Amino acid sequence: MYMCCNLAEPIKEWGASNAENKANYGGTSAFNLKKPGMQQELLALCSAPDLGNDAAATRCSTRECLVRGSPLADRCTAETDGWELHGFFVRETETCVTGRYCWMEDFKYFWAYKQGNCQKRLTTSAACVADTGCRWSTSNNICYSATSPDSYPSTGLDEDTFLSLLTNVSAEDQSVTEFEKYMQDKYSYLRTRNRRYEADFHARYTGVRLNGLKTQVMFSWISFNATFPRENTVDEANVWYNRWQAFKDTHAPNIGGYQTTDLYLFLVTQNEMVKAATMGICLSLLVAFIVLLATTCNWWSSSLGLVCIVCITATFLGIVPLLGWSLGENECIFMIATVGLSVDYTVHLLHAYDNAPVSARTARAHAALEEMGISVANSAITTLFAAAMLFACGFYFFFQFGGFIFMVIGLSILMSTNFLMPLMMLVGPEGDQGKMLRRRKIGSTE
């Protein structure tokens, strides 16, 4: 629905329900925008930045305002000539920030401009003044509507009236509707005032599209400004994301629609990646524990081995932000794969520990290191050397992948030999402690 950096992007959209399109995108389809209640919700959503104390910070231009989320209430003054001559809403001062691009607000002005049909029906000041629905402009010598755009019915227009205003074909150009012609004229007017950028942005960031017969709303979109710094952390981004959701739910709880801005979609994807990484790590730890149990047949040793793997994983997760890596697809995969790469040396040393021909825990740890220490060390050295070769790659993914392998294998060999083995010396099982399968010797008698 809303977001961008510096400028708004097409953000909240409504598509029409059809056989190839899931019905009720985001809770409602474009068809429903003609309903009186939806008209009012759309207007309320578009004008919400004018209320001030906007936690979504749609009208902020400074970092302090963005952080505090409390811009002052304000409303841009409309240019007099634009309204009197053509019925347009044009900001009198270009520096006044509205915080949004919304075709429904233009429709509100179009509706007010059409009331009484003053310009075409009345051409003299006397006739204009005599009509209570019209006013005469002495500066422009023209009769214009006395209806205020703010008097748009609080309950919304009935569906037939709304669609009629939106879909009536223009008498000047049969290929467009009166409202489309009205918007084209507004853009032309802005360009004559050296405000081409404003016309171009408005045409891009908001609009409504009808079907081929010009009888039904098929597609619509609006946009909001949100000077959101991309360098924010995930937690800070989530706070901002929740602000926007609250903003939408407060002012337009039933209007539906769906978000399309890349940054918003990235936030949603990032949250899902965090969930996926967390679930993947938990499942990997479960599988690792099962592998340890199957290999050692000792729940005690397996539990201590799992502690070692958890420590390796936690250390790696702590190093990632120190390296400046942000959570992306690669990092999400790396986090899940960390557990699998951490199991290897732990399994070998625990297997040697449990099969040592001695009973005391210290002696068993020594025996495990004597039997498997050189093997796991050589394995780590060759893997580290292979990973280091990737540091010379120009392609960032391979460089990052090499760094991932190097860190995890380095942590794995260090933790398994310098943490796990001392841990086994202190609290490791002795004799048959923790064994799930025990052998019995059955002697023969004669």
Protein backbone atom coordinates (compact mmCIF):
# COMPACT_ATOMS: atom_id res chain seq x y z
CA MET A 1 0.00 0.00 0.00
CA TYR A 2 2.64 2.46 0.72
CA MET A 3 6.30 2.87 0.78
CA CYS A 4 9.35 4.04 -0.95
CA CYS A 5 12.44 5.96 -0.42
CA ASN A 6 12.31 9.67 -1.20
CA LEU A 7 9.47 9.23 -3.70
CA ALA A 8 6.40 7.09 -3.66
CA GLU A 9 6.12 4.01 -5.83
CA PRO A 10 2.97 2.24 -7.03
CA ILE A 11 2.15 0.53 -3.82
CA LYS A 12 -1.37 -0.46 -3.06
CA GLU A 13 -3.26 -2.05 -5.89
CA TRP A 14 -6.63 -3.63 -6.51
CA GLY A 15 -7.16 -6.11 -9.32
CA ALA A 16 -10.44 -7.39 -10.66
CA SER A 17 -11.56 -10.92 -9.84
CA ASN A 18 -11.74 -13.22 -12.83
CA ALA A 19 -11.27 -16.85 -13.78
CA GLU A 20 -7.49 -16.47 -14.07
CA ASN A 21 -7.15 -14.27 -11.02
CA LYS A 22 -7.89 -15.27 -7.44
CA ALA A 23 -11.03 -13.56 -6.24
CA ASN A 24 -10.79 -10.80 -3.67
CA TYR A 25 -7.14 -9.85 -3.85
CA GLY A 26 -6.10 -8.65 -0.42
CA GLY A 27 -9.66 -8.81 0.91
CA THR A 28 -11.45 -7.01 -1.89
CA SER A 29 -11.38 -6.68 -5.65
CA ALA A 30 -11.35 -3.57 -7.81
CA PHE A 31 -15.06 -4.13 -8.48
CA ASN A 32 -15.85 -3.25 -4.87
CA LEU A 33 -14.27 0.20 -5.02
CA LYS A 34 -17.54 1.53 -6.44
CA LYS A 35 -19.33 0.76 -3.17
CA PRO A 36 -20.06 3.85 -1.03
CA GLY A 37 -18.25 2.48 2.00
CA MET A 38 -15.14 1.68 -0.02
CA GLN A 39 -15.15 5.16 -1.58
CA GLN A 40 -15.06 6.69 1.87
CA GLU A 41 -12.37 4.34 3.15
CA LEU A 42 -10.20 5.15 0.15
CA LEU A 43 -10.65 8.88 0.75
CA ALA A 44 -9.95 8.46 4.47
CA LEU A 45 -6.79 6.51 3.71
CA CYS A 46 -5.58 9.09 1.19
CA SER A 47 -6.22 12.08 3.43
CA ALA A 48 -4.89 10.48 6.62
CA PRO A 49 -1.41 12.11 6.32
CA ASP A 50 -3.10 15.52 6.71
CA LEU A 51 -4.22 14.61 10.24
CA GLY A 52 -0.74 14.78 11.75
CA ASN A 53 0.72 12.46 14.40
CA ASP A 54 1.10 9.93 11.65
CA ALA A 55 3.08 6.96 12.97
CA ALA A 56 3.71 5.82 9.42
CA ALA A 57 5.52 9.11 8.79
CA THR A 58 4.12 9.65 5.31
CA ARG A 59 4.94 13.36 5.37
CA CYS A 60 8.36 13.28 6.99
CA SER A 61 11.32 14.93 5.34
CA THR A 62 13.86 14.51 8.15
CA ARG A 63 15.31 11.48 9.94
CA GLU A 64 14.16 12.81 13.31
CA CYS A 65 10.58 13.03 12.07
CA LEU A 66 10.84 9.52 10.68
CA VAL A 67 12.06 8.11 13.98
CA ARG A 68 9.51 9.94 16.10
CA GLY A 69 6.68 9.42 13.63
CA SER A 70 4.87 12.64 14.54
CA PRO A 71 4.66 15.18 11.69
CA LEU A 72 2.40 18.17 12.26
CA ALA A 73 -1.12 18.26 10.92
CA ASP A 74 -1.23 20.18 7.67
CA ARG A 75 -3.05 20.46 4.39
CA CYS A 76 -1.63 21.87 1.19
CA THR A 77 -3.44 24.98 -0.02
CA ALA A 78 -5.05 24.59 -3.44
CA GLU A 79 -4.14 26.95 -6.25
CA THR A 80 -7.08 29.26 -6.99
CA ASP A 81 -6.68 29.40 -10.78
CA GLY A 82 -6.50 25.62 -11.10
CA TRP A 83 -9.82 25.21 -9.31
CA GLU A 84 -11.70 28.12 -10.88
CA LEU A 85 -10.58 27.52 -14.46
CA HIS A 86 -10.58 23.73 -14.61
CA GLY A 87 -11.70 22.24 -11.28
CA PHE A 88 -8.22 20.87 -10.53
CA PHE A 89 -6.50 20.44 -7.22
CA VAL A 90 -3.01 21.85 -7.71
CA ARG A 91 -0.73 22.63 -4.80
CA GLU A 92 -0.23 26.37 -4.53
CA THR A 93 3.29 25.83 -3.21
CA GLU A 94 5.43 23.11 -4.74
CA THR A 95 7.32 22.62 -1.47
CA CYS A 96 4.16 21.56 0.37
CA VAL A 97 4.29 17.77 0.72
CA THR A 98 0.98 15.91 0.49
CA GLY A 99 2.52 12.53 1.25
CA ARG A 100 0.49 10.56 -1.28
CA TYR A 101 -0.73 10.14 -4.85
CA CYS A 102 -4.41 9.24 -4.92
CA TRP A 103 -6.77 9.36 -7.89
CA MET A 104 -9.80 9.27 -5.56
CA GLU A 105 -8.99 12.75 -4.32
CA ASP A 106 -8.94 13.99 -7.91
CA PHE A 107 -12.25 12.23 -8.43
CA LYS A 108 -13.65 14.17 -5.47
CA TYR A 109 -12.63 17.44 -7.13
CA PHE A 110 -14.01 16.20 -10.46
CA TRP A 111 -17.34 15.47 -8.80
CA ALA A 112 -17.48 18.96 -7.23
CA TYR A 113 -16.45 20.58 -10.52
CA LYS A 114 -19.29 18.80 -12.36
CA GLN A 115 -21.98 20.00 -9.94
CA GLY A 116 -24.18 22.58 -11.67
CA ASN A 117 -22.18 22.39 -14.91
CA CYS A 118 -21.45 26.08 -14.29
CA GLN A 119 -18.73 26.75 -16.87
CA LYS A 120 -20.62 25.40 -19.86
CA ARG A 121 -24.10 26.52 -18.81
CA LEU A 122 -23.47 30.05 -17.52
CA THR A 123 -21.26 32.52 -19.35
CA THR A 124 -22.23 35.86 -17.79
CA SER A 125 -21.59 37.11 -14.29
CA ALA A 126 -25.23 38.02 -13.71
CA ALA A 127 -26.49 34.56 -14.61
CA CYS A 128 -23.73 32.95 -12.61
CA VAL A 129 -24.36 34.99 -9.47
CA ALA A 130 -28.08 34.27 -9.73
CA ASP A 131 -27.40 30.53 -9.59
CA THR A 132 -26.85 29.41 -6.00
CA GLY A 133 -24.73 26.48 -7.14
CA CYS A 134 -22.20 28.63 -8.99
CA ARG A 135 -19.77 31.46 -8.34
CA TRP A 136 -18.23 34.11 -10.57
CA SER A 137 -14.47 34.62 -10.62
CA THR A 138 -13.63 38.27 -11.17
CA SER A 139 -9.95 37.50 -11.69
CA ASN A 140 -10.55 34.87 -14.37
CA ASN A 141 -13.97 36.08 -15.64
CA ILE A 142 -15.43 32.62 -15.48
CA CYS A 143 -18.27 30.85 -13.70
CA TYR A 144 -17.24 27.90 -11.56
CA SER A 145 -18.88 25.44 -9.19
CA ALA A 146 -19.66 26.64 -5.67
CA THR A 147 -19.66 23.04 -4.44
CA SER A 148 -16.74 22.32 -2.15
CA PRO A 149 -14.86 19.09 -2.84
CA ASP A 150 -14.95 18.51 0.92
CA SER A 151 -18.73 18.20 0.70
CA TYR A 152 -18.37 14.84 -1.03
CA PRO A 153 -21.09 12.71 0.64
CA SER A 154 -19.87 11.23 3.91
CA THR A 155 -21.66 8.00 3.00
CA GLY A 156 -20.19 8.00 -0.51
CA LEU A 157 -21.97 8.22 -3.85
CA ASP A 158 -24.34 5.46 -4.82
CA GLU A 159 -22.78 2.87 -7.11
CA ASP A 160 -24.61 3.99 -10.26
CA THR A 161 -23.65 7.65 -9.81
CA PHE A 162 -20.05 6.77 -9.03
CA LEU A 163 -19.69 4.53 -12.08
CA SER A 164 -21.51 7.05 -14.27
CA LEU A 165 -19.06 9.83 -13.35
CA LEU A 166 -16.13 7.49 -13.77
CA THR A 167 -17.19 5.86 -17.03
CA ASN A 168 -19.08 8.51 -19.06
CA VAL A 169 -17.39 8.87 -22.44
CA SER A 170 -15.97 12.31 -23.21
CA ALA A 171 -17.83 14.30 -25.88
CA GLU A 172 -14.51 15.77 -27.06
CA ASP A 173 -12.69 12.45 -27.39
CA GLN A 174 -14.71 9.24 -27.71
CA SER A 175 -11.68 7.10 -26.88
CA VAL A 176 -11.52 8.28 -23.25
CA THR A 177 -13.95 8.95 -20.43
CA GLU A 178 -14.69 12.40 -19.03
CA PHE A 179 -12.62 11.64 -15.94
CA GLU A 180 -9.68 10.43 -18.03
CA LYS A 181 -9.93 13.61 -20.11
CA TYR A 182 -10.08 15.63 -16.89
CA MET A 183 -6.84 14.02 -15.67
CA GLN A 184 -5.13 14.52 -19.05
CA ASP A 185 -6.07 18.20 -18.92
CA LYS A 186 -4.70 18.45 -15.39
CA TYR A 187 -1.35 17.00 -16.48
CA SER A 188 -1.24 19.43 -19.39
CA TYR A 189 -2.00 22.30 -17.03
CA LEU A 190 0.84 21.25 -14.70
CA ARG A 191 3.27 21.12 -17.61
CA THR A 192 2.34 24.66 -18.63
CA ARG A 193 3.27 25.69 -15.08
CA ASN A 194 6.72 24.08 -15.43
CA ARG A 195 5.69 21.24 -13.11
CA ARG A 196 6.14 18.39 -15.54
CA TYR A 197 7.70 16.19 -12.86
CA GLU A 198 4.52 16.46 -10.81
CA ALA A 199 2.35 15.41 -13.74
CA ASP A 200 4.63 12.51 -14.62
CA PHE A 201 4.81 11.24 -11.04
CA HIS A 202 1.06 11.48 -10.54
CA ALA A 203 0.34 9.59 -13.77
CA ARG A 204 2.72 6.85 -12.68
CA TYR A 205 1.93 6.52 -9.00
CA THR A 206 -1.86 6.51 -9.02
CA GLY A 207 -4.65 5.70 -11.43
CA VAL A 208 -7.74 3.68 -12.23
CA ARG A 209 -8.33 1.46 -15.26
CA LEU A 210 -11.68 0.40 -16.70
CA ASN A 211 -12.67 -2.56 -18.81
CA GLY A 212 -12.84 -2.36 -22.60
CA LEU A 213 -16.49 -1.28 -22.55
CA LYS A 214 -15.76 1.45 -19.97
CA THR A 215 -18.39 0.06 -17.62
CA GLN A 216 -16.43 -1.43 -14.71
CA VAL A 217 -13.34 -0.75 -12.60
CA MET A 218 -10.74 -3.40 -13.40
CA PHE A 219 -7.58 -2.08 -11.78
CA SER A 220 -6.56 0.70 -9.42
CA TRP A 221 -3.50 1.84 -7.50
CA ILE A 222 -2.44 4.57 -5.06
CA SER A 223 0.91 5.48 -3.50
CA PHE A 224 2.35 7.06 -0.39
CA ASN A 225 5.69 8.65 0.41
CA ALA A 226 7.79 6.95 3.04
CA THR A 227 11.34 8.13 3.51
CA PHE A 228 12.43 4.80 4.89
CA PRO A 229 16.22 4.29 5.19
CA ARG A 230 17.21 1.01 3.56
CA GLU A 231 20.13 0.53 5.96
CA ASN A 232 17.79 -0.23 8.87
CA THR A 233 18.16 -3.48 10.79
CA VAL A 234 15.50 -6.19 10.55
CA ASP A 235 14.00 -5.18 13.91
CA GLU A 236 13.84 -1.51 12.91
CA ALA A 237 12.33 -2.45 9.56
CA ASN A 238 9.68 -4.55 11.31
CA VAL A 239 8.73 -1.61 13.52
CA TRP A 240 8.24 0.50 10.41
CA TYR A 241 6.34 -2.31 8.67
CA ASN A 242 3.97 -2.62 11.64
CA ARG A 243 3.40 1.14 11.61
CA TRP A 244 2.19 0.98 8.04
CA GLN A 245 -0.08 -1.95 8.76
CA ALA A 246 -1.60 -0.07 11.70
CA PHE A 247 -1.95 3.03 9.50
CA LYS A 248 -3.91 1.08 6.91
CA ASP A 249 -6.03 -0.83 9.44
CA THR A 250 -6.92 2.37 11.28
CA HIS A 251 -8.08 4.41 8.30
CA ALA A 252 -9.25 1.71 5.87
CA PRO A 253 -9.77 -1.64 7.60
CA ASN A 254 -11.98 -3.19 4.91
CA ILE A 255 -10.57 -1.82 1.69
CA GLY A 256 -8.16 -4.69 1.02
CA GLY A 257 -5.77 -4.39 -1.88
CA TYR A 258 -2.22 -5.66 -1.97
CA GLN A 259 1.27 -4.20 -1.74
CA THR A 260 3.54 -4.01 -4.75
CA THR A 261 6.54 -1.87 -3.77
CA ASP A 262 9.83 -3.77 -3.99
CA LEU A 263 11.01 -2.61 -0.57
CA TYR A 264 7.77 -3.71 1.09
CA LEU A 265 7.95 -7.08 -0.63
CA PHE A 266 11.56 -7.42 0.51
CA LEU A 267 10.49 -6.80 4.11
CA VAL A 268 7.86 -9.53 3.87
CA THR A 269 10.36 -11.88 2.22
CA GLN A 270 12.97 -11.06 4.85
CA ASN A 271 10.55 -11.89 7.67
CA GLU A 272 9.72 -15.18 6.00
CA MET A 273 13.43 -15.92 5.58
CA VAL A 274 13.98 -15.34 9.30
CA LYS A 275 11.18 -17.80 10.05
CA ALA A 276 12.57 -20.29 7.52
CA ALA A 277 16.10 -20.00 8.91
CA THR A 278 14.88 -20.47 12.48
CA MET A 279 12.78 -23.50 11.57
CA GLY A 280 15.57 -24.92 9.40
CA ILE A 281 18.12 -24.63 12.20
CA CYS A 282 15.76 -26.28 14.70
CA LEU A 283 14.98 -29.16 12.34
CA SER A 284 18.67 -29.56 11.49
CA LEU A 285 19.54 -29.77 15.19
CA LEU A 286 16.87 -32.44 15.64
CA VAL A 287 18.26 -34.46 12.73
CA ALA A 288 21.81 -33.95 14.05
CA PHE A 289 20.80 -35.33 17.44
CA ILE A 290 19.24 -38.37 15.77
CA VAL A 291 22.47 -38.93 13.81
CA LEU A 292 24.51 -38.65 17.01
CA LEU A 293 22.25 -41.17 18.74
CA ALA A 294 22.46 -43.58 15.81
CA THR A 295 26.26 -43.25 15.69
CA THR A 296 27.13 -43.40 19.38
CA CYS A 297 24.10 -45.25 20.80
CA ASN A 298 24.65 -43.09 23.87
CA TRP A 299 22.20 -40.38 24.81
CA TRP A 300 24.66 -38.77 27.22
CA SER A 301 27.38 -38.30 24.64
CA SER A 302 24.84 -37.26 22.03
CA SER A 303 23.45 -34.55 24.30
CA LEU A 304 26.91 -33.11 24.94
CA GLY A 305 27.63 -33.29 21.22
CA LEU A 306 24.43 -31.37 20.53
CA VAL A 307 25.58 -28.69 22.99
CA CYS A 308 28.80 -28.36 20.98
CA ILE A 309 26.89 -28.04 17.69
CA VAL A 310 24.57 -25.43 19.18
CA CYS A 311 27.59 -23.42 20.35
CA ILE A 312 29.16 -23.58 16.88
CA THR A 313 25.92 -22.43 15.27
CA ALA A 314 25.39 -19.63 17.81
CA THR A 315 28.95 -18.38 17.34
CA PHE A 316 28.53 -18.31 13.57
CA LEU A 317 25.23 -16.42 13.88
CA GLY A 318 27.02 -13.90 16.09
CA ILE A 319 29.83 -13.40 13.58
CA VAL A 320 27.51 -12.84 10.59
CA PRO A 321 26.35 -9.31 11.58
CA LEU A 322 29.92 -8.37 12.54
CA LEU A 323 30.92 -9.08 8.94
CA GLY A 324 28.21 -6.72 7.72
CA TRP A 325 26.17 -9.45 6.05
CA SER A 326 22.48 -8.64 5.77
CA LEU A 327 19.90 -11.40 5.79
CA GLY A 328 19.32 -12.48 2.21
CA GLU A 329 18.72 -15.72 0.34
CA ASN A 330 22.38 -16.76 0.58
CA GLU A 331 22.68 -16.01 4.30
CA CYS A 332 19.44 -17.87 5.01
CA ILE A 333 20.79 -21.01 3.30
CA PHE A 334 24.14 -20.64 5.05
CA MET A 335 22.49 -20.51 8.47
CA ILE A 336 20.55 -23.70 7.85
CA ALA A 337 23.64 -25.47 6.45
CA THR A 338 25.75 -24.47 9.47
CA VAL A 339 24.36 -27.31 11.59
CA GLY A 340 25.11 -29.93 8.95
CA LEU A 341 28.72 -28.82 8.55
CA SER A 342 29.18 -28.71 12.33
CA VAL A 343 28.23 -32.35 12.87
CA ASP A 344 31.17 -34.04 11.11
CA TYR A 345 34.05 -33.62 13.57
CA THR A 346 31.76 -33.90 16.58
CA VAL A 347 30.45 -37.28 15.42
CA HIS A 348 33.93 -38.67 14.75
CA LEU A 349 35.32 -37.66 18.12
CA LEU A 350 32.27 -38.86 20.05
CA HIS A 351 32.31 -42.19 18.25
CA ALA A 352 35.96 -42.64 19.17
CA TYR A 353 35.21 -41.58 22.75
CA ASP A 354 32.41 -44.11 23.21
CA ASN A 355 34.45 -46.93 21.68
CA ALA A 356 37.63 -46.24 23.65
CA PRO A 357 38.95 -49.38 25.45
CA VAL A 358 39.05 -47.52 28.78
CA SER A 359 36.39 -46.47 31.28
CA ALA A 360 37.46 -43.16 32.87
CA ARG A 361 36.22 -40.07 31.05
CA THR A 362 39.62 -38.35 30.94
CA ALA A 363 41.30 -41.43 29.54
CA ARG A 364 38.54 -41.88 26.98
CA ALA A 365 38.91 -38.28 25.80
CA HIS A 366 42.68 -38.78 25.41
CA ALA A 367 42.06 -41.99 23.48
CA ALA A 368 39.55 -40.26 21.18
CA LEU A 369 42.01 -37.49 20.38
CA GLU A 370 44.83 -39.98 19.79
CA GLU A 371 42.69 -42.04 17.42
CA MET A 372 40.74 -39.33 15.53
CA GLY A 373 42.54 -36.07 16.32
CA ILE A 374 44.98 -36.20 13.41
CA SER A 375 42.24 -37.30 11.00
CA VAL A 376 39.81 -34.50 11.82
CA ALA A 377 42.67 -31.96 11.86
CA ASN A 378 43.84 -32.99 8.39
CA SER A 379 40.26 -32.91 7.14
CA ALA A 380 39.80 -29.40 8.51
CA ILE A 381 43.09 -28.16 7.01
CA THR A 382 42.26 -29.39 3.51
CA THR A 383 38.72 -27.99 3.70
CA LEU A 384 39.97 -24.62 4.97
CA PHE A 385 42.53 -24.50 2.16
CA ALA A 386 39.85 -25.27 -0.44
CA ALA A 387 37.56 -22.59 1.02
CA ALA A 388 40.40 -20.05 1.02
CA MET A 389 40.78 -20.53 -2.74
CA LEU A 390 37.29 -19.06 -3.18
CA PHE A 391 38.45 -15.75 -1.70
CA ALA A 392 40.17 -15.01 -5.00
CA CYS A 393 36.87 -15.23 -6.94
CA GLY A 394 35.49 -12.01 -8.39
CA PHE A 395 31.91 -13.26 -8.18
CA TYR A 396 30.60 -12.20 -4.76
CA PHE A 397 28.57 -15.35 -4.12
CA PHE A 398 31.64 -17.58 -4.39
CA PHE A 399 33.61 -15.21 -2.16
CA GLN A 400 30.81 -15.26 0.40
CA PHE A 401 30.42 -19.03 0.13
CA GLY A 402 34.14 -19.47 0.73
CA GLY A 403 33.91 -17.25 3.80
CA PHE A 404 30.98 -19.30 5.09
CA ILE A 405 32.79 -22.63 4.68
CA PHE A 406 35.99 -21.23 6.18
CA MET A 407 34.23 -19.86 9.27
CA VAL A 408 32.05 -22.89 9.97
CA ILE A 409 34.81 -25.45 9.47
CA GLY A 410 37.23 -23.34 11.50
CA LEU A 411 34.72 -23.02 14.33
CA SER A 412 33.85 -26.71 14.08
CA ILE A 413 37.43 -27.97 14.46
CA LEU A 414 38.18 -25.48 17.25
CA MET A 415 35.00 -26.20 19.21
CA SER A 416 35.11 -29.98 18.81
CA THR A 417 38.74 -30.27 19.98
CA ASN A 418 38.99 -27.37 22.44
CA PHE A 419 35.46 -27.33 23.85
CA LEU A 420 33.82 -30.71 23.33
CA MET A 421 36.75 -32.84 24.48
CA PRO A 422 37.37 -30.82 27.67
CA LEU A 423 33.61 -30.99 28.27
CA MET A 424 33.74 -34.77 27.92
CA MET A 425 36.64 -34.88 30.39
CA LEU A 426 34.52 -32.99 32.93
CA VAL A 427 31.02 -34.45 32.56
CA GLY A 428 31.29 -37.15 29.88
CA PRO A 429 29.88 -40.64 30.47
CA GLU A 430 32.06 -43.31 32.06
CA GLY A 431 31.77 -47.01 31.50
CA ASP A 432 28.27 -47.89 30.32
CA GLN A 433 26.69 -44.60 31.40
CA GLY A 434 24.18 -43.35 28.84
CA LYS A 435 24.36 -46.51 26.73
CA MET A 436 21.09 -47.37 25.03
CA LEU A 437 22.27 -50.83 23.90
CA ARG A 438 24.25 -53.01 26.27
CA ARG A 439 25.90 -56.31 25.53
CA ARG A 440 25.57 -59.25 27.87
CA LYS A 441 28.00 -62.13 28.03
CA ILE A 442 26.25 -65.45 28.50
CA GLY A 443 28.53 -68.20 29.75
CA SER A 444 27.96 -71.92 29.04
CA THR A 445 27.52 -74.49 31.79
CA GLU A 446 28.15 -78.18 31.66
